[in-house]
Amino acid sequence: MGPNYAASTCLKEEFVNIYLIRHGEAAEHWHKADDPGLSELGHQQAAETAKLLIQKIEPGVRLISSPMVRARETAQPLAQALGIEPTIIEHFREIPTPVEQAERQTWLRGIALQDWQEQHDMVRDWRNALLTELQKVQEHTVVFTHFMVLNAIVGSLQKRDRVVCFLPANASVTTLKWSGDSHDLIELGHQLKTKVN
């Protein structure tokens, strides 16, 4: 029993899961509201994802959230179930936009088929800071975040330059594994052809 126990302990220390959750449906589109909370459907999605995660996550899991309201509200059902508060980390907030609020949707559609190297310095700096912060996540963790954050992370792991490389649905779960010196993509969250909100 001793050797088997030691092996399982070692495995737990060397491999950890990171669950990236896109926030639930927002009450308003981001080109119309600066920091909207969740819609009624969004709250339902958050509750359903919490139930799913409870079945998957490891004991002692850490919760991280973007500071934006829709991400924090998505985190609440799981946080309440576990009796812990998410750590708010600025780097996991949605992509900054170098345009006025009313122009955000047009701008986002424009960059979707472009590469990261074509983007404004502010946007590339945001991506670099996000990926640096991800490297600090080396324990079982659930991160509540956003569409473009997920694309920045997945694109980096898949070594793809395109800004938008997949379409994570609201409250979807994308799974990474940290294995000692790097993060690997294990499973993409479910995808829908939806508007970014």
C-alpha atoms as a PDB file:
ATOM      1  CA  MET A   1       0.000   0.000   0.000  1.00  0.00           C
ATOM      2  CA  GLY A   2       2.890   2.303   0.761  1.00  0.00           C
ATOM      3  CA  PRO A   3       4.359   2.412  -2.774  1.00  0.00           C
ATOM      4  CA  ASN A   4       0.944   2.800  -4.416  1.00  0.00           C
ATOM      5  CA  TYR A   5       0.033   5.648  -2.086  1.00  0.00           C
ATOM      6  CA  ALA A   6       3.315   7.377  -2.791  1.00  0.00           C
ATOM      7  CA  ALA A   7       2.791   7.057  -6.529  1.00  0.00           C
ATOM      8  CA  SER A   8      -0.695   8.553  -6.366  1.00  0.00           C
ATOM      9  CA  THR A   9       0.584  11.402  -4.195  1.00  0.00           C
ATOM     10  CA  CYS A  10       3.336  12.137  -6.706  1.00  0.00           C
ATOM     11  CA  LEU A  11       0.861  12.078  -9.576  1.00  0.00           C
ATOM     12  CA  LYS A  12      -1.395  14.563  -7.817  1.00  0.00           C
ATOM     13  CA  GLU A  13       1.506  16.935  -7.295  1.00  0.00           C
ATOM     14  CA  GLU A  14       2.816  16.713 -10.857  1.00  0.00           C
ATOM     15  CA  PHE A  15      -0.460  16.960 -12.789  1.00  0.00           C
ATOM     16  CA  VAL A  16      -3.150  19.508 -12.047  1.00  0.00           C
ATOM     17  CA  ASN A  17      -6.291  20.487 -13.937  1.00  0.00           C
ATOM     18  CA  ILE A  18      -7.289  24.013 -14.852  1.00  0.00           C
ATOM     19  CA  TYR A  19     -10.887  24.627 -15.911  1.00  0.00           C
ATOM     20  CA  LEU A  20     -11.495  27.782 -17.969  1.00  0.00           C
ATOM     21  CA  ILE A  21     -15.136  28.894 -17.853  1.00  0.00           C
ATOM     22  CA  ARG A  22     -16.600  31.433 -20.220  1.00  0.00           C
ATOM     23  CA  HIS A  23     -19.118  33.581 -18.344  1.00  0.00           C
ATOM     24  CA  GLY A  24     -22.843  32.967 -18.717  1.00  0.00           C
ATOM     25  CA  GLU A  25     -25.001  35.005 -21.074  1.00  0.00           C
ATOM     26  CA  ALA A  26     -24.704  38.701 -20.299  1.00  0.00           C
ATOM     27  CA  ALA A  27     -27.750  40.882 -19.686  1.00  0.00           C
ATOM     28  CA  GLU A  28     -26.543  43.287 -22.364  1.00  0.00           C
ATOM     29  CA  HIS A  29     -24.116  43.190 -25.274  1.00  0.00           C
ATOM     30  CA  TRP A  30     -20.672  44.574 -24.433  1.00  0.00           C
ATOM     31  CA  HIS A  31     -20.853  47.221 -27.161  1.00  0.00           C
ATOM     32  CA  LYS A  32     -23.910  48.657 -25.370  1.00  0.00           C
ATOM     33  CA  ALA A  33     -22.876  48.305 -21.715  1.00  0.00           C
ATOM     34  CA  ASP A  34     -19.416  48.657 -20.217  1.00  0.00           C
ATOM     35  CA  ASP A  35     -19.698  45.914 -17.597  1.00  0.00           C
ATOM     36  CA  PRO A  36     -23.056  44.106 -17.634  1.00  0.00           C
ATOM     37  CA  GLY A  37     -24.081  41.361 -15.236  1.00  0.00           C
ATOM     38  CA  LEU A  38     -25.782  38.118 -16.243  1.00  0.00           C
ATOM     39  CA  SER A  39     -29.183  37.717 -17.839  1.00  0.00           C
ATOM     40  CA  GLU A  40     -31.720  35.331 -16.311  1.00  0.00           C
ATOM     41  CA  LEU A  41     -30.485  32.654 -18.719  1.00  0.00           C
ATOM     42  CA  GLY A  42     -26.912  33.497 -17.767  1.00  0.00           C
ATOM     43  CA  HIS A  43     -27.663  32.810 -14.093  1.00  0.00           C
ATOM     44  CA  GLN A  44     -29.216  29.460 -15.064  1.00  0.00           C
ATOM     45  CA  GLN A  45     -26.130  28.598 -17.120  1.00  0.00           C
ATOM     46  CA  ALA A  46     -23.862  29.486 -14.202  1.00  0.00           C
ATOM     47  CA  ALA A  47     -25.837  27.214 -11.860  1.00  0.00           C
ATOM     48  CA  GLU A  48     -25.749  24.324 -14.354  1.00  0.00           C
ATOM     49  CA  THR A  49     -22.005  24.684 -14.879  1.00  0.00           C
ATOM     50  CA  ALA A  50     -21.441  24.726 -11.117  1.00  0.00           C
ATOM     51  CA  LYS A  51     -23.302  21.408 -10.824  1.00  0.00           C
ATOM     52  CA  LEU A  52     -21.134  19.948 -13.586  1.00  0.00           C
ATOM     53  CA  LEU A  53     -17.918  21.194 -12.019  1.00  0.00           C
ATOM     54  CA  ILE A  54     -18.788  19.843  -8.579  1.00  0.00           C
ATOM     55  CA  GLN A  55     -18.623  16.370 -10.138  1.00  0.00           C
ATOM     56  CA  LYS A  56     -15.213  17.010 -11.727  1.00  0.00           C
ATOM     57  CA  ILE A  57     -13.082  19.270  -9.586  1.00  0.00           C
ATOM     58  CA  GLU A  58     -10.489  18.161  -7.093  1.00  0.00           C
ATOM     59  CA  PRO A  59     -10.500  18.819  -3.320  1.00  0.00           C
ATOM     60  CA  GLY A  60      -8.855  22.093  -2.428  1.00  0.00           C
ATOM     61  CA  VAL A  61      -9.466  23.608  -5.852  1.00  0.00           C
ATOM     62  CA  ARG A  62      -8.785  27.327  -6.195  1.00  0.00           C
ATOM     63  CA  LEU A  63     -11.257  29.721  -7.822  1.00  0.00           C
ATOM     64  CA  ILE A  64     -10.131  32.690  -9.911  1.00  0.00           C
ATOM     65  CA  SER A  65     -12.364  35.258 -11.595  1.00  0.00           C
ATOM     66  CA  SER A  66     -12.022  38.161 -13.934  1.00  0.00           C
ATOM     67  CA  PRO A  67     -13.032  41.388 -12.157  1.00  0.00           C
ATOM     68  CA  MET A  68     -15.902  41.906 -14.611  1.00  0.00           C
ATOM     69  CA  VAL A  69     -19.407  41.476 -13.218  1.00  0.00           C
ATOM     70  CA  ARG A  70     -20.570  38.770 -15.623  1.00  0.00           C
ATOM     71  CA  ALA A  71     -17.570  36.585 -14.742  1.00  0.00           C
ATOM     72  CA  ARG A  72     -17.935  37.140 -10.995  1.00  0.00           C
ATOM     73  CA  GLU A  73     -21.653  36.323 -11.136  1.00  0.00           C
ATOM     74  CA  THR A  74     -20.895  33.145 -13.095  1.00  0.00           C
ATOM     75  CA  ALA A  75     -18.464  32.124 -10.352  1.00  0.00           C
ATOM     76  CA  GLN A  76     -20.956  32.618  -7.513  1.00  0.00           C
ATOM     77  CA  PRO A  77     -22.897  29.310  -7.633  1.00  0.00           C
ATOM     78  CA  LEU A  78     -19.704  27.265  -7.454  1.00  0.00           C
ATOM     79  CA  ALA A  79     -18.162  29.570  -4.861  1.00  0.00           C
ATOM     80  CA  GLN A  80     -21.238  29.254  -2.660  1.00  0.00           C
ATOM     81  CA  ALA A  81     -21.324  25.474  -3.051  1.00  0.00           C
ATOM     82  CA  LEU A  82     -17.671  25.208  -2.024  1.00  0.00           C
ATOM     83  CA  GLY A  83     -17.810  27.900   0.636  1.00  0.00           C
ATOM     84  CA  ILE A  84     -14.858  29.825  -0.815  1.00  0.00           C
ATOM     85  CA  GLU A  85     -14.427  33.185  -2.502  1.00  0.00           C
ATOM     86  CA  PRO A  86     -12.797  33.541  -5.926  1.00  0.00           C
ATOM     87  CA  THR A  87      -9.530  35.417  -6.185  1.00  0.00           C
ATOM     88  CA  ILE A  88     -10.026  38.361  -8.536  1.00  0.00           C
ATOM     89  CA  ILE A  89      -7.194  38.645 -11.063  1.00  0.00           C
ATOM     90  CA  GLU A  90      -7.154  41.558 -13.469  1.00  0.00           C
ATOM     91  CA  HIS A  91      -5.281  39.694 -16.221  1.00  0.00           C
ATOM     92  CA  PHE A  92      -8.281  37.434 -16.894  1.00  0.00           C
ATOM     93  CA  ARG A  93     -10.608  40.317 -17.839  1.00  0.00           C
ATOM     94  CA  GLU A  94     -11.920  40.648 -21.381  1.00  0.00           C
ATOM     95  CA  ILE A  95      -9.739  42.047 -24.161  1.00  0.00           C
ATOM     96  CA  PRO A  96      -9.244  45.829 -24.040  1.00  0.00           C
ATOM     97  CA  THR A  97     -10.562  47.722 -27.036  1.00  0.00           C
ATOM     98  CA  PRO A  98      -8.801  50.709 -28.599  1.00  0.00           C
ATOM     99  CA  VAL A  99     -12.152  52.102 -29.822  1.00  0.00           C
ATOM    100  CA  GLU A 100     -15.223  53.710 -28.292  1.00  0.00           C
ATOM    101  CA  GLN A 101     -17.888  51.488 -26.725  1.00  0.00           C
ATOM    102  CA  ALA A 102     -20.355  51.885 -29.611  1.00  0.00           C
ATOM    103  CA  GLU A 103     -17.697  50.666 -32.063  1.00  0.00           C
ATOM    104  CA  ARG A 104     -16.639  47.563 -30.102  1.00  0.00           C
ATOM    105  CA  GLN A 105     -18.716  44.998 -31.968  1.00  0.00           C
ATOM    106  CA  THR A 106     -17.537  46.202 -35.376  1.00  0.00           C
ATOM    107  CA  TRP A 107     -13.937  46.271 -34.165  1.00  0.00           C
ATOM    108  CA  LEU A 108     -14.148  42.762 -32.716  1.00  0.00           C
ATOM    109  CA  ARG A 109     -15.630  41.341 -35.913  1.00  0.00           C
ATOM    110  CA  GLY A 110     -12.827  43.021 -37.809  1.00  0.00           C
ATOM    111  CA  ILE A 111     -10.012  41.460 -35.809  1.00  0.00           C
ATOM    112  CA  ALA A 112     -11.590  37.993 -35.601  1.00  0.00           C
ATOM    113  CA  LEU A 113      -9.968  36.870 -38.863  1.00  0.00           C
ATOM    114  CA  GLN A 114      -6.699  38.693 -38.242  1.00  0.00           C
ATOM    115  CA  ASP A 115      -3.512  37.562 -36.477  1.00  0.00           C
ATOM    116  CA  TRP A 116      -2.286  38.746 -33.084  1.00  0.00           C
ATOM    117  CA  GLN A 117       0.739  40.432 -34.629  1.00  0.00           C
ATOM    118  CA  GLU A 118      -1.576  42.766 -36.542  1.00  0.00           C
ATOM    119  CA  GLN A 119      -3.209  44.094 -33.373  1.00  0.00           C
ATOM    120  CA  HIS A 120      -2.804  47.344 -31.452  1.00  0.00           C
ATOM    121  CA  ASP A 121       0.094  47.406 -28.960  1.00  0.00           C
ATOM    122  CA  MET A 122      -2.419  47.586 -26.092  1.00  0.00           C
ATOM    123  CA  VAL A 123      -4.062  44.367 -27.247  1.00  0.00           C
ATOM    124  CA  ARG A 124      -0.789  42.489 -27.716  1.00  0.00           C
ATOM    125  CA  ASP A 125       0.415  43.665 -24.297  1.00  0.00           C
ATOM    126  CA  TRP A 126      -2.852  42.375 -22.768  1.00  0.00           C
ATOM    127  CA  ARG A 127      -2.363  38.974 -24.391  1.00  0.00           C
ATOM    128  CA  ASN A 128       1.259  38.702 -23.263  1.00  0.00           C
ATOM    129  CA  ALA A 129       0.357  39.635 -19.671  1.00  0.00           C
ATOM    130  CA  LEU A 130      -2.504  37.102 -19.695  1.00  0.00           C
ATOM    131  CA  LEU A 131      -0.270  34.263 -20.886  1.00  0.00           C
ATOM    132  CA  THR A 132       2.358  35.187 -18.308  1.00  0.00           C
ATOM    133  CA  GLU A 133      -0.287  35.091 -15.564  1.00  0.00           C
ATOM    134  CA  LEU A 134      -1.496  31.688 -16.768  1.00  0.00           C
ATOM    135  CA  GLN A 135       1.981  30.270 -16.189  1.00  0.00           C
ATOM    136  CA  LYS A 136       1.571  31.112 -12.495  1.00  0.00           C
ATOM    137  CA  VAL A 137      -1.474  28.818 -12.237  1.00  0.00           C
ATOM    138  CA  GLN A 138       0.081  25.560 -11.066  1.00  0.00           C
ATOM    139  CA  GLU A 139      -2.633  24.079  -8.862  1.00  0.00           C
ATOM    140  CA  HIS A 140      -6.146  22.717  -9.413  1.00  0.00           C
ATOM    141  CA  THR A 141      -8.034  25.859 -10.423  1.00  0.00           C
ATOM    142  CA  VAL A 142     -11.293  27.042 -11.963  1.00  0.00           C
ATOM    143  CA  VAL A 143     -10.995  30.342 -13.857  1.00  0.00           C
ATOM    144  CA  PHE A 144     -14.118  32.352 -14.753  1.00  0.00           C
ATOM    145  CA  THR A 145     -13.291  34.499 -17.729  1.00  0.00           C
ATOM    146  CA  HIS A 146     -14.198  35.609 -21.268  1.00  0.00           C
ATOM    147  CA  PHE A 147     -14.437  34.707 -24.954  1.00  0.00           C
ATOM    148  CA  MET A 148     -11.250  36.447 -26.086  1.00  0.00           C
ATOM    149  CA  VAL A 149      -9.267  35.285 -23.054  1.00  0.00           C
ATOM    150  CA  LEU A 150     -10.098  31.710 -24.007  1.00  0.00           C
ATOM    151  CA  ASN A 151      -9.081  32.356 -27.598  1.00  0.00           C
ATOM    152  CA  ALA A 152      -5.786  33.919 -26.557  1.00  0.00           C
ATOM    153  CA  ILE A 153      -4.954  30.931 -24.338  1.00  0.00           C
ATOM    154  CA  VAL A 154      -6.123  28.190 -26.714  1.00  0.00           C
ATOM    155  CA  GLY A 155      -4.465  29.847 -29.703  1.00  0.00           C
ATOM    156  CA  SER A 156      -1.174  30.029 -27.808  1.00  0.00           C
ATOM    157  CA  LEU A 157      -1.335  26.387 -26.729  1.00  0.00           C
ATOM    158  CA  GLN A 158      -2.188  25.290 -30.278  1.00  0.00           C
ATOM    159  CA  LYS A 159       0.501  27.618 -31.700  1.00  0.00           C
ATOM    160  CA  ARG A 160      -2.051  29.403 -33.847  1.00  0.00           C
ATOM    161  CA  ASP A 161      -1.679  33.089 -34.744  1.00  0.00           C
ATOM    162  CA  ARG A 162      -5.330  33.736 -35.600  1.00  0.00           C
ATOM    163  CA  VAL A 163      -7.071  35.923 -32.983  1.00  0.00           C
ATOM    164  CA  VAL A 164     -10.297  33.871 -32.910  1.00  0.00           C
ATOM    165  CA  CYS A 165      -9.596  30.148 -33.243  1.00  0.00           C
ATOM    166  CA  PHE A 166     -12.736  28.746 -31.637  1.00  0.00           C
ATOM    167  CA  LEU A 167     -16.171  29.859 -30.409  1.00  0.00           C
ATOM    168  CA  PRO A 168     -16.633  28.930 -26.734  1.00  0.00           C
ATOM    169  CA  ALA A 169     -20.289  29.010 -25.742  1.00  0.00           C
ATOM    170  CA  ASN A 170     -21.520  30.795 -22.639  1.00  0.00           C
ATOM    171  CA  ALA A 171     -20.685  28.858 -19.451  1.00  0.00           C
ATOM    172  CA  SER A 172     -18.631  26.306 -21.413  1.00  0.00           C
ATOM    173  CA  VAL A 173     -15.722  24.478 -19.751  1.00  0.00           C
ATOM    174  CA  THR A 174     -12.318  24.270 -21.453  1.00  0.00           C
ATOM    175  CA  THR A 175      -9.830  22.037 -19.639  1.00  0.00           C
ATOM    176  CA  LEU A 176      -6.048  22.413 -19.405  1.00  0.00           C
ATOM    177  CA  LYS A 177      -3.509  20.280 -17.599  1.00  0.00           C
ATOM    178  CA  TRP A 178      -0.345  21.625 -15.981  1.00  0.00           C
ATOM    179  CA  SER A 179       2.368  18.991 -16.034  1.00  0.00           C
ATOM    180  CA  GLY A 180       5.363  20.419 -14.237  1.00  0.00           C
ATOM    181  CA  ASP A 181       6.637  22.954 -16.747  1.00  0.00           C
ATOM    182  CA  SER A 182       3.836  23.694 -19.195  1.00  0.00           C
ATOM    183  CA  HIS A 183       0.098  23.812 -19.790  1.00  0.00           C
ATOM    184  CA  ASP A 184      -1.540  21.450 -22.271  1.00  0.00           C
ATOM    185  CA  LEU A 185      -4.985  21.658 -23.823  1.00  0.00           C
ATOM    186  CA  ILE A 186      -7.046  18.622 -22.807  1.00  0.00           C
ATOM    187  CA  GLU A 187     -10.560  19.491 -23.965  1.00  0.00           C
ATOM    188  CA  LEU A 188     -12.257  22.450 -25.617  1.00  0.00           C
ATOM    189  CA  GLY A 189     -15.520  23.628 -24.153  1.00  0.00           C
ATOM    190  CA  HIS A 190     -18.648  23.238 -26.266  1.00  0.00           C
ATOM    191  CA  GLN A 191     -18.996  25.775 -29.032  1.00  0.00           C
ATOM    192  CA  LEU A 192     -21.873  27.701 -30.529  1.00  0.00           C
ATOM    193  CA  LYS A 193     -22.080  30.190 -33.358  1.00  0.00           C
ATOM    194  CA  THR A 194     -23.178  33.047 -31.176  1.00  0.00           C
ATOM    195  CA  LYS A 195     -22.573  36.737 -30.974  1.00  0.00           C
ATOM    196  CA  VAL A 196     -19.875  37.813 -28.538  1.00  0.00           C
ATOM    197  CA  ASN A 197     -21.569  39.405 -25.501  1.00  0.00           C
END
